[in-house]
Amino acid sequence: MDHKREVEPPVDPLQTAMLAELRAAHIRARLLQADIEALGIALRHGLITAAQALVALRDLGMPTMLDVGSRPGDTWAMRELPNVK
């Protein structure tokens, strides 16, 4: 005998839209995690340099500790990054 209860779908359109947005955000987060893990593997195995990994993280929109000082007026910066595409 199956004792599962069927869950009523939400009737509020905003709630329905938010549930869809949350599902999409969850998928985007998992894809971002996979990209970050792939960068770590590539760096560990010498397929990319540390500078290339940093540029790739920036391309993904991820701030890093190495970004500290990259704003005008900061006293420390890693300004000499190659333009890796």
PDB file of N, CA and C in Angstrom:
ATOM      1  N   MET A   1       0.822  -1.169   0.000  1.00  0.00           N
ATOM      2  CA  MET A   1       0.000   0.000   0.000  1.00  0.00           C
ATOM      3  C   MET A   1       0.879   1.250   0.000  1.00  0.00           C
ATOM      4  N   ASP A   2       0.561   2.195  -0.855  1.00  0.00           N
ATOM      5  CA  ASP A   2       1.322   3.431  -0.957  1.00  0.00           C
ATOM      6  C   ASP A   2       0.680   4.500  -0.080  1.00  0.00           C
ATOM      7  N   HIS A   3       1.444   4.979   0.903  1.00  0.00           N
ATOM      8  CA  HIS A   3       0.906   5.954   1.843  1.00  0.00           C
ATOM      9  C   HIS A   3       1.366   7.377   1.529  1.00  0.00           C
ATOM     10  N   LYS A   4       1.847   7.611   0.307  1.00  0.00           N
ATOM     11  CA  LYS A   4       2.297   8.952  -0.042  1.00  0.00           C
ATOM     12  C   LYS A   4       1.109   9.880  -0.205  1.00  0.00           C
ATOM     13  N   ARG A   5       1.267  11.064   0.363  1.00  0.00           N
ATOM     14  CA  ARG A   5       0.244  12.090   0.179  1.00  0.00           C
ATOM     15  C   ARG A   5       0.571  12.893  -1.051  1.00  0.00           C
ATOM     16  N   GLU A   6      -0.428  13.231  -1.799  1.00  0.00           N
ATOM     17  CA  GLU A   6      -0.188  14.116  -2.927  1.00  0.00           C
ATOM     18  C   GLU A   6      -0.177  15.542  -2.415  1.00  0.00           C
ATOM     19  N   VAL A   7       0.814  16.293  -2.834  1.00  0.00           N
ATOM     20  CA  VAL A   7       0.941  17.678  -2.404  1.00  0.00           C
ATOM     21  C   VAL A   7       0.154  18.539  -3.374  1.00  0.00           C
ATOM     22  N   GLU A   8      -0.664  19.395  -2.802  1.00  0.00           N
ATOM     23  CA  GLU A   8      -1.458  20.301  -3.630  1.00  0.00           C
ATOM     24  C   GLU A   8      -0.539  21.324  -4.289  1.00  0.00           C
ATOM     25  N   PRO A   9      -0.702  21.571  -5.585  1.00  0.00           N
ATOM     26  CA  PRO A   9       0.114  22.614  -6.213  1.00  0.00           C
ATOM     27  C   PRO A   9      -0.285  23.980  -5.684  1.00  0.00           C
ATOM     28  N   PRO A  10       0.667  24.889  -5.596  1.00  0.00           N
ATOM     29  CA  PRO A  10       0.343  26.218  -5.080  1.00  0.00           C
ATOM     30  C   PRO A  10      -0.625  26.926  -6.023  1.00  0.00           C
ATOM     31  N   VAL A  11      -1.528  27.683  -5.452  1.00  0.00           N
ATOM     32  CA  VAL A  11      -2.504  28.395  -6.262  1.00  0.00           C
ATOM     33  C   VAL A  11      -2.104  29.857  -6.458  1.00  0.00           C
ATOM     34  N   ASP A  12      -1.198  30.351  -5.636  1.00  0.00           N
ATOM     35  CA  ASP A  12      -0.733  31.725  -5.765  1.00  0.00           C
ATOM     36  C   ASP A  12       0.244  31.810  -6.937  1.00  0.00           C
ATOM     37  N   PRO A  13      -0.024  32.638  -7.954  1.00  0.00           N
ATOM     38  CA  PRO A  13       0.872  32.733  -9.110  1.00  0.00           C
ATOM     39  C   PRO A  13       2.284  33.180  -8.732  1.00  0.00           C
ATOM     40  N   LEU A  14       2.406  34.071  -7.754  1.00  0.00           N
ATOM     41  CA  LEU A  14       3.731  34.511  -7.324  1.00  0.00           C
ATOM     42  C   LEU A  14       4.492  33.350  -6.688  1.00  0.00           C
ATOM     43  N   GLN A  15       3.797  32.555  -5.882  1.00  0.00           N
ATOM     44  CA  GLN A  15       4.440  31.396  -5.262  1.00  0.00           C
ATOM     45  C   GLN A  15       4.880  30.399  -6.333  1.00  0.00           C
ATOM     46  N   THR A  16       4.047  30.177  -7.333  1.00  0.00           N
ATOM     47  CA  THR A  16       4.393  29.272  -8.436  1.00  0.00           C
ATOM     48  C   THR A  16       5.639  29.774  -9.158  1.00  0.00           C
ATOM     49  N   ALA A  17       5.667  31.080  -9.448  1.00  0.00           N
ATOM     50  CA  ALA A  17       6.819  31.660 -10.131  1.00  0.00           C
ATOM     51  C   ALA A  17       8.075  31.574  -9.268  1.00  0.00           C
ATOM     52  N   MET A  18       7.944  31.838  -7.970  1.00  0.00           N
ATOM     53  CA  MET A  18       9.109  31.780  -7.081  1.00  0.00           C
ATOM     54  C   MET A  18       9.650  30.365  -6.959  1.00  0.00           C
ATOM     55  N   LEU A  19       8.760  29.377  -6.912  1.00  0.00           N
ATOM     56  CA  LEU A  19       9.227  27.995  -6.861  1.00  0.00           C
ATOM     57  C   LEU A  19      10.008  27.641  -8.119  1.00  0.00           C
ATOM     58  N   ALA A  20       9.541  28.110  -9.271  1.00  0.00           N
ATOM     59  CA  ALA A  20      10.267  27.876 -10.523  1.00  0.00           C
ATOM     60  C   ALA A  20      11.612  28.592 -10.507  1.00  0.00           C
ATOM     61  N   GLU A  21      11.653  29.835 -10.007  1.00  0.00           N
ATOM     62  CA  GLU A  21      12.904  30.578  -9.902  1.00  0.00           C
ATOM     63  C   GLU A  21      13.895  29.880  -8.984  1.00  0.00           C
ATOM     64  N   LEU A  22      13.407  29.357  -7.867  1.00  0.00           N
ATOM     65  CA  LEU A  22      14.290  28.653  -6.927  1.00  0.00           C
ATOM     66  C   LEU A  22      14.847  27.379  -7.538  1.00  0.00           C
ATOM     67  N   ARG A  23      14.025  26.662  -8.291  1.00  0.00           N
ATOM     68  CA  ARG A  23      14.532  25.461  -8.970  1.00  0.00           C
ATOM     69  C   ARG A  23      15.611  25.836  -9.987  1.00  0.00           C
ATOM     70  N   ALA A  24      15.376  26.903 -10.748  1.00  0.00           N
ATOM     71  CA  ALA A  24      16.362  27.345 -11.738  1.00  0.00           C
ATOM     72  C   ALA A  24      17.646  27.823 -11.060  1.00  0.00           C
ATOM     73  N   ALA A  25      17.522  28.555  -9.953  1.00  0.00           N
ATOM     74  CA  ALA A  25      18.710  29.025  -9.223  1.00  0.00           C
ATOM     75  C   ALA A  25      19.509  27.850  -8.684  1.00  0.00           C
ATOM     76  N   HIS A  26      18.823  26.823  -8.228  1.00  0.00           N
ATOM     77  CA  HIS A  26      19.505  25.634  -7.721  1.00  0.00           C
ATOM     78  C   HIS A  26      20.307  24.965  -8.839  1.00  0.00           C
ATOM     79  N   ILE A  27      19.738  24.878 -10.011  1.00  0.00           N
ATOM     80  CA  ILE A  27      20.448  24.278 -11.152  1.00  0.00           C
ATOM     81  C   ILE A  27      21.650  25.140 -11.546  1.00  0.00           C
ATOM     82  N   ARG A  28      21.475  26.477 -11.576  1.00  0.00           N
ATOM     83  CA  ARG A  28      22.595  27.362 -11.907  1.00  0.00           C
ATOM     84  C   ARG A  28      23.717  27.219 -10.881  1.00  0.00           C
ATOM     85  N   ALA A  29      23.371  27.088  -9.614  1.00  0.00           N
ATOM     86  CA  ALA A  29      24.383  26.933  -8.565  1.00  0.00           C
ATOM     87  C   ALA A  29      25.155  25.626  -8.743  1.00  0.00           C
ATOM     88  N   ARG A  30      24.462  24.568  -9.112  1.00  0.00           N
ATOM     89  CA  ARG A  30      25.152  23.287  -9.324  1.00  0.00           C
ATOM     90  C   ARG A  30      26.067  23.349 -10.538  1.00  0.00           C
ATOM     91  N   LEU A  31      25.642  24.057 -11.592  1.00  0.00           N
ATOM     92  CA  LEU A  31      26.501  24.227 -12.767  1.00  0.00           C
ATOM     93  C   LEU A  31      27.737  25.051 -12.424  1.00  0.00           C
ATOM     94  N   LEU A  32      27.566  26.101 -11.626  1.00  0.00           N
ATOM     95  CA  LEU A  32      28.689  26.915 -11.192  1.00  0.00           C
ATOM     96  C   LEU A  32      29.654  26.086 -10.348  1.00  0.00           C
ATOM     97  N   GLN A  33      29.120  25.265  -9.468  1.00  0.00           N
ATOM     98  CA  GLN A  33      29.962  24.391  -8.648  1.00  0.00           C
ATOM     99  C   GLN A  33      30.766  23.448  -9.537  1.00  0.00           C
ATOM    100  N   ALA A  34      30.146  22.893 -10.565  1.00  0.00           N
ATOM    101  CA  ALA A  34      30.855  21.985 -11.467  1.00  0.00           C
ATOM    102  C   ALA A  34      31.969  22.724 -12.213  1.00  0.00           C
ATOM    103  N   ASP A  35      31.706  23.966 -12.632  1.00  0.00           N
ATOM    104  CA  ASP A  35      32.738  24.750 -13.313  1.00  0.00           C
ATOM    105  C   ASP A  35      33.916  25.022 -12.382  1.00  0.00           C
ATOM    106  N   ILE A  36      33.636  25.360 -11.131  1.00  0.00           N
ATOM    107  CA  ILE A  36      34.706  25.640 -10.165  1.00  0.00           C
ATOM    108  C   ILE A  36      35.514  24.375  -9.889  1.00  0.00           C
ATOM    109  N   GLU A  37      34.850  23.252  -9.737  1.00  0.00           N
ATOM    110  CA  GLU A  37      35.559  21.988  -9.518  1.00  0.00           C
ATOM    111  C   GLU A  37      36.423  21.632 -10.723  1.00  0.00           C
ATOM    112  N   ALA A  38      35.921  21.872 -11.930  1.00  0.00           N
ATOM    113  CA  ALA A  38      36.697  21.592 -13.139  1.00  0.00           C
ATOM    114  C   ALA A  38      37.944  22.469 -13.206  1.00  0.00           C
ATOM    115  N   LEU A  39      37.822  23.730 -12.794  1.00  0.00           N
ATOM    116  CA  LEU A  39      38.997  24.605 -12.758  1.00  0.00           C
ATOM    117  C   LEU A  39      40.043  24.075 -11.779  1.00  0.00           C
ATOM    118  N   GLY A  40      39.598  23.620 -10.620  1.00  0.00           N
ATOM    119  CA  GLY A  40      40.536  23.068  -9.642  1.00  0.00           C
ATOM    120  C   GLY A  40      41.247  21.834 -10.168  1.00  0.00           C
ATOM    121  N   ILE A  41      40.530  20.969 -10.837  1.00  0.00           N
ATOM    122  CA  ILE A  41      41.136  19.759 -11.407  1.00  0.00           C
ATOM    123  C   ILE A  41      42.132  20.131 -12.493  1.00  0.00           C
ATOM    124  N   ALA A  42      41.741  21.061 -13.372  1.00  0.00           N
ATOM    125  CA  ALA A  42      42.636  21.477 -14.456  1.00  0.00           C
ATOM    126  C   ALA A  42      43.904  22.114 -13.904  1.00  0.00           C
ATOM    127  N   LEU A  43      43.767  22.950 -12.870  1.00  0.00           N
ATOM    128  CA  LEU A  43      44.931  23.592 -12.260  1.00  0.00           C
ATOM    129  C   LEU A  43      45.820  22.562 -11.583  1.00  0.00           C
ATOM    130  N   ARG A  44      45.213  21.656 -10.841  1.00  0.00           N
ATOM    131  CA  ARG A  44      45.974  20.626 -10.127  1.00  0.00           C
ATOM    132  C   ARG A  44      46.790  19.749 -11.072  1.00  0.00           C
ATOM    133  N   HIS A  45      46.255  19.488 -12.260  1.00  0.00           N
ATOM    134  CA  HIS A  45      46.925  18.598 -13.211  1.00  0.00           C
ATOM    135  C   HIS A  45      47.741  19.354 -14.260  1.00  0.00           C
ATOM    136  N   GLY A  46      47.911  20.652 -14.055  1.00  0.00           N
ATOM    137  CA  GLY A  46      48.777  21.428 -14.922  1.00  0.00           C
ATOM    138  C   GLY A  46      48.200  21.749 -16.293  1.00  0.00           C
ATOM    139  N   LEU A  47      46.900  21.643 -16.450  1.00  0.00           N
ATOM    140  CA  LEU A  47      46.286  21.938 -17.739  1.00  0.00           C
ATOM    141  C   LEU A  47      46.084  23.437 -17.949  1.00  0.00           C
ATOM    142  N   ILE A  48      46.015  24.183 -16.845  1.00  0.00           N
ATOM    143  CA  ILE A  48      45.933  25.638 -16.894  1.00  0.00           C
ATOM    144  C   ILE A  48      46.853  26.203 -15.832  1.00  0.00           C
ATOM    145  N   THR A  49      47.206  27.470 -15.991  1.00  0.00           N
ATOM    146  CA  THR A  49      48.042  28.136 -14.987  1.00  0.00           C
ATOM    147  C   THR A  49      47.149  28.750 -13.915  1.00  0.00           C
ATOM    148  N   ALA A  50      47.787  29.188 -12.831  1.00  0.00           N
ATOM    149  CA  ALA A  50      47.037  29.851 -11.762  1.00  0.00           C
ATOM    150  C   ALA A  50      46.399  31.139 -12.278  1.00  0.00           C
ATOM    151  N   ALA A  51      47.113  31.870 -13.132  1.00  0.00           N
ATOM    152  CA  ALA A  51      46.558  33.106 -13.693  1.00  0.00           C
ATOM    153  C   ALA A  51      45.344  32.801 -14.570  1.00  0.00           C
ATOM    154  N   GLN A  52      45.405  31.730 -15.342  1.00  0.00           N
ATOM    155  CA  GLN A  52      44.259  31.348 -16.177  1.00  0.00           C
ATOM    156  C   GLN A  52      43.065  30.950 -15.310  1.00  0.00           C
ATOM    157  N   ALA A  53      43.335  30.258 -14.209  1.00  0.00           N
ATOM    158  CA  ALA A  53      42.258  29.869 -13.299  1.00  0.00           C
ATOM    159  C   ALA A  53      41.614  31.103 -12.679  1.00  0.00           C
ATOM    160  N   LEU A  54      42.431  32.092 -12.318  1.00  0.00           N
ATOM    161  CA  LEU A  54      41.911  33.319 -11.739  1.00  0.00           C
ATOM    162  C   LEU A  54      41.039  34.070 -12.743  1.00  0.00           C
ATOM    163  N   VAL A  55      41.497  34.156 -13.980  1.00  0.00           N
ATOM    164  CA  VAL A  55      40.716  34.825 -15.022  1.00  0.00           C
ATOM    165  C   VAL A  55      39.400  34.074 -15.255  1.00  0.00           C
ATOM    166  N   ALA A  56      39.460  32.750 -15.253  1.00  0.00           N
ATOM    167  CA  ALA A  56      38.244  31.954 -15.452  1.00  0.00           C
ATOM    168  C   ALA A  56      37.258  32.165 -14.308  1.00  0.00           C
ATOM    169  N   LEU A  57      37.760  32.240 -13.076  1.00  0.00           N
ATOM    170  CA  LEU A  57      36.879  32.525 -11.938  1.00  0.00           C
ATOM    171  C   LEU A  57      36.220  33.887 -12.083  1.00  0.00           C
ATOM    172  N   ARG A  58      37.005  34.866 -12.518  1.00  0.00           N
ATOM    173  CA  ARG A  58      36.435  36.202 -12.732  1.00  0.00           C
ATOM    174  C   ARG A  58      35.374  36.151 -13.836  1.00  0.00           C
ATOM    175  N   ASP A  59      35.633  35.376 -14.883  1.00  0.00           N
ATOM    176  CA  ASP A  59      34.654  35.235 -15.968  1.00  0.00           C
ATOM    177  C   ASP A  59      33.359  34.606 -15.469  1.00  0.00           C
ATOM    178  N   LEU A  60      33.477  33.749 -14.463  1.00  0.00           N
ATOM    179  CA  LEU A  60      32.291  33.137 -13.862  1.00  0.00           C
ATOM    180  C   LEU A  60      31.584  34.088 -12.893  1.00  0.00           C
ATOM    181  N   GLY A  61      32.216  35.237 -12.637  1.00  0.00           N
ATOM    182  CA  GLY A  61      31.625  36.203 -11.715  1.00  0.00           C
ATOM    183  C   GLY A  61      31.910  35.914 -10.258  1.00  0.00           C
ATOM    184  N   MET A  62      32.930  35.118  -9.996  1.00  0.00           N
ATOM    185  CA  MET A  62      33.272  34.743  -8.632  1.00  0.00           C
ATOM    186  C   MET A  62      34.366  35.657  -8.085  1.00  0.00           C
ATOM    187  N   PRO A  63      34.097  36.355  -6.989  1.00  0.00           N
ATOM    188  CA  PRO A  63      35.158  37.146  -6.363  1.00  0.00           C
ATOM    189  C   PRO A  63      36.161  36.221  -5.681  1.00  0.00           C
ATOM    190  N   THR A  64      37.397  36.650  -5.620  1.00  0.00           N
ATOM    191  CA  THR A  64      38.426  35.853  -4.951  1.00  0.00           C
ATOM    192  C   THR A  64      39.189  36.735  -3.971  1.00  0.00           C
ATOM    193  N   MET A  65      39.975  36.103  -3.135  1.00  0.00           N
ATOM    194  CA  MET A  65      40.820  36.857  -2.210  1.00  0.00           C
ATOM    195  C   MET A  65      41.846  37.673  -2.984  1.00  0.00           C
ATOM    196  N   LEU A  66      42.201  37.239  -4.186  1.00  0.00           N
ATOM    197  CA  LEU A  66      43.177  37.976  -4.982  1.00  0.00           C
ATOM    198  C   LEU A  66      42.585  39.237  -5.595  1.00  0.00           C
ATOM    199  N   ASP A  67      41.269  39.394  -5.520  1.00  0.00           N
ATOM    200  CA  ASP A  67      40.627  40.615  -6.007  1.00  0.00           C
ATOM    201  C   ASP A  67      40.764  41.757  -5.000  1.00  0.00           C
ATOM    202  N   VAL A  68      41.145  41.434  -3.775  1.00  0.00           N
ATOM    203  CA  VAL A  68      41.342  42.476  -2.762  1.00  0.00           C
ATOM    204  C   VAL A  68      42.449  43.392  -3.257  1.00  0.00           C
ATOM    205  N   GLY A  69      42.183  44.668  -3.225  1.00  0.00           N
ATOM    206  CA  GLY A  69      43.184  45.622  -3.684  1.00  0.00           C
ATOM    207  C   GLY A  69      43.051  45.976  -5.145  1.00  0.00           C
ATOM    208  N   SER A  70      42.076  45.440  -5.832  1.00  0.00           N
ATOM    209  CA  SER A  70      41.953  45.721  -7.259  1.00  0.00           C
ATOM    210  C   SER A  70      41.113  46.965  -7.535  1.00  0.00           C
ATOM    211  N   ARG A  71      40.615  47.575  -6.479  1.00  0.00           N
ATOM    212  CA  ARG A  71      39.823  48.791  -6.655  1.00  0.00           C
ATOM    213  C   ARG A  71      40.731  50.015  -6.558  1.00  0.00           C
ATOM    214  N   PRO A  72      40.354  51.100  -7.232  1.00  0.00           N
ATOM    215  CA  PRO A  72      41.182  52.318  -7.152  1.00  0.00           C
ATOM    216  C   PRO A  72      41.383  52.751  -5.700  1.00  0.00           C
ATOM    217  N   GLY A  73      42.603  53.098  -5.364  1.00  0.00           N
ATOM    218  CA  GLY A  73      42.908  53.543  -4.014  1.00  0.00           C
ATOM    219  C   GLY A  73      43.407  52.440  -3.106  1.00  0.00           C
ATOM    220  N   ASP A  74      43.228  51.175  -3.490  1.00  0.00           N
ATOM    221  CA  ASP A  74      43.751  50.081  -2.684  1.00  0.00           C
ATOM    222  C   ASP A  74      45.265  50.030  -2.849  1.00  0.00           C
ATOM    223  N   THR A  75      45.946  49.573  -1.824  1.00  0.00           N
ATOM    224  CA  THR A  75      47.407  49.609  -1.849  1.00  0.00           C
ATOM    225  C   THR A  75      48.035  48.346  -2.421  1.00  0.00           C
ATOM    226  N   TRP A  76      47.281  47.291  -2.548  1.00  0.00           N
ATOM    227  CA  TRP A  76      47.828  46.043  -3.076  1.00  0.00           C
ATOM    228  C   TRP A  76      46.918  45.549  -4.176  1.00  0.00           C
ATOM    229  N   ALA A  77      47.492  45.087  -5.255  1.00  0.00           N
ATOM    230  CA  ALA A  77      46.662  44.552  -6.335  1.00  0.00           C
ATOM    231  C   ALA A  77      47.472  43.579  -7.163  1.00  0.00           C
ATOM    232  N   MET A  78      46.799  42.634  -7.738  1.00  0.00           N
ATOM    233  CA  MET A  78      47.405  41.713  -8.699  1.00  0.00           C
ATOM    234  C   MET A  78      47.030  42.257 -10.071  1.00  0.00           C
ATOM    235  N   ARG A  79      47.702  43.288 -10.487  1.00  0.00           N
ATOM    236  CA  ARG A  79      47.332  44.000 -11.705  1.00  0.00           C
ATOM    237  C   ARG A  79      47.944  43.394 -12.966  1.00  0.00           C
ATOM    238  N   GLU A  80      48.948  42.593 -12.815  1.00  0.00           N
ATOM    239  CA  GLU A  80      49.684  42.084 -13.967  1.00  0.00           C
ATOM    240  C   GLU A  80      49.156  40.739 -14.444  1.00  0.00           C
ATOM    241  N   LEU A  81      47.851  40.627 -14.596  1.00  0.00           N
ATOM    242  CA  LEU A  81      47.281  39.386 -15.098  1.00  0.00           C
ATOM    243  C   LEU A  81      47.291  39.367 -16.613  1.00  0.00           C
ATOM    244  N   PRO A  82      47.604  38.232 -17.197  1.00  0.00           N
ATOM    245  CA  PRO A  82      47.573  38.164 -18.667  1.00  0.00           C
ATOM    246  C   PRO A  82      46.123  38.191 -19.159  1.00  0.00           C
ATOM    247  N   ASN A  83      45.953  38.636 -20.364  1.00  0.00           N
ATOM    248  CA  ASN A  83      44.628  38.604 -20.987  1.00  0.00           C
ATOM    249  C   ASN A  83      44.431  37.238 -21.604  1.00  0.00           C
ATOM    250  N   VAL A  84      43.895  36.336 -20.818  1.00  0.00           N
ATOM    251  CA  VAL A  84      43.687  34.957 -21.264  1.00  0.00           C
ATOM    252  C   VAL A  84      42.236  34.812 -21.647  1.00  0.00           C
ATOM    253  N   LYS A  85      41.992  34.357 -22.815  1.00  0.00           N
ATOM    254  CA  LYS A  85      40.608  34.136 -23.273  1.00  0.00           C
ATOM    255  C   LYS A  85      40.442  32.726 -23.761  1.00  0.00           C
TER     256      LYS A  85
END
